[in-house]
Amino acid sequence: MTKSATTHATTARDLLSTGIAGLDEILDGGLTRGRLYLLEGTPGTGKTTVGLQFLLDGVARGEKGLYVTLSESADELSFAAGTHGWSLDGIEVYELVNELGLDPDSEQSVLHPSEVELGETVREVIERVDSLKPRRVVFDSLSELRLLAQNPLRYRRQILALKQMFASRECTVILLDDGTADVQLHSIAHGVIMLEKVRRGFGAARRRLEVLKMRGVKFHGGVHDFVLDTGGVEVFPSLVADDHAAEFDMTPASTGSEELDLLLGGGLAPATNTLLLGPSGVGKTTTAVRCMLEALDRGEKATYFLFDEGRQTMLTRARALGMDLDAHLSSGSLVIDEIEPAEFSPGEFACRVRRTVETRGASFIVFDSLNAYIHAMPGEEHLILQMHELLNYLNQKGATTLLVLGQHGVIGDVRSDIDLSYLSDGILLFRYFEANGAVRTALSVVKSRVNSHERTIRELKLSPVGLQVGIALSDFQGILSGLPTYDGKVALIPGAAEPAPAI
């Protein structure tokens, strides 16, 4: 006795780009062709712009597009497109509301919520679709159609009728809706995308989107940041580090200072991040620049994300300390990216980092400093988790990352705004201490996940010849408290006065 095997045929998705690269990535390639989708959000979130980008992408691919509007005139749409530098050539704009609908002598105005008018509206849409035969349609908006229907049952029936009509004509449709959480509409649509605009006390408003539903698609869930600016909508998919694993060599590389290499247990290893932690002015930025310059001299590419000070200030100080970055800036191997934290969302910043690694091939990354970034986003509940994912991504790509984090205080009780120590593979600790009537700097490595590092404390000195790291301060006690005692004859860095017998 034989049994016939049952085969399950799987049909590959016939993909259609939304015209927005980041949104296509979230949707695992784009929209499924020939389906009806709902794009909802309050006014001002960017629905019209997304709809226009969808149609313009179709025009670029030789597909006819139809924009059906009940809420805006063709002139208004043309003006909105012009602000982004777009032309609506190739897109048919069909106004269901015009000056005839406002004529008091007109008995059949689409603005009158009657069953007759609703039927006429739907018939007009069908006629225009049949005459134009578009491949892509945007319907703006369902709010007016909901008012015409007057009751949920009639509204649902008309949406179902439109869905069947568009499907039979192989149209891919995006319905725009100013309402939110319309469960009836969600059940009809093949996919639902929600846009929202979040206002803050300071800085630019944040825009976010979420795919609530997408049948047959393993989409990237969660909330994703996006911006609406000249040129249209740009979406920043939330970062998933495990999607970017790569192979790399983890042999430690030199920092440019033999003594600092010894302190770190051989240097800085690729695929790790090191936290430079200490009070303001202690030498964190100079140390980061020295390590980066050595990587650049080895032929690596680097990106320096500058949050606090100005670009010229940073370059001038580096030159004064014998570290001239101009040649690397001219060659393009170094990019200094000045960040205005109040204007960025975590998702946008993560995408900016991702581009410098994947597009430029940068393998050395510096964040200086994270204090401004953290203060600009006090309301972001999951900022630490986002930073964890970003650092994990950089590790997965084999990048060497330095994080500069300033602390409050100078000597004694020194505190941080946020604890990033558990996210870091290594911690380079900077402290001020007093010796022989002068304020000096101590340097130590308190954590390293990959190297067997020194447990000693060394002196750090900044001078016109660059960064100098002294021998271990074995005869000092209490250096990390800022008020040490001295019971030996260990000399400090040459050029400094000998310490007094007792402090």
Foldseek 3Di string as FASTA:
>chain_A
DDDDDDDDDDDDFPAAALLAVQVCQLQVRHARFLFEEEEEAAPPLAPLLSQVSNQVVCVVVVFAEEEEAADDDPVVSQVVQVLLVDGCVRYHYHYLADVVLVDPPDPQRCQDQDPVNLVVSLVVVLVVCVVRLTQEYEYHACVSSCSSQVDPVSSLVSVLVVRVSSSVSRHYYYHYYNDPDPVSVCVRGQWYKYKYWADDPDFDIWIKMATPHHPPTPGNGDIWTWDQDRNGIHTQRQFAQVVQFDDDDFQADALQAPVVCQQQQRHFTFLFEEEEEEAPPQCSLLSLLSSVLSVVVVPAAEEEEAEPDDPVVSQVVCQQLVHHCVVVVVVRSYHYHYDDLLHDDLRRVLVVVVCCCPPVVHQEYEYHACPNNCVSCVPPPCPLVSVLSSSSNSSSSRHYYYYYFHWPDAAADTGGPDDCPVSGQWYKYKHWADFQRDIWIKIHTPHHNPHPGDGFIWTWDGGSNGIDTGDGQVQWDPVNNRYIWGCDFDAHDPPDDGGDNTD
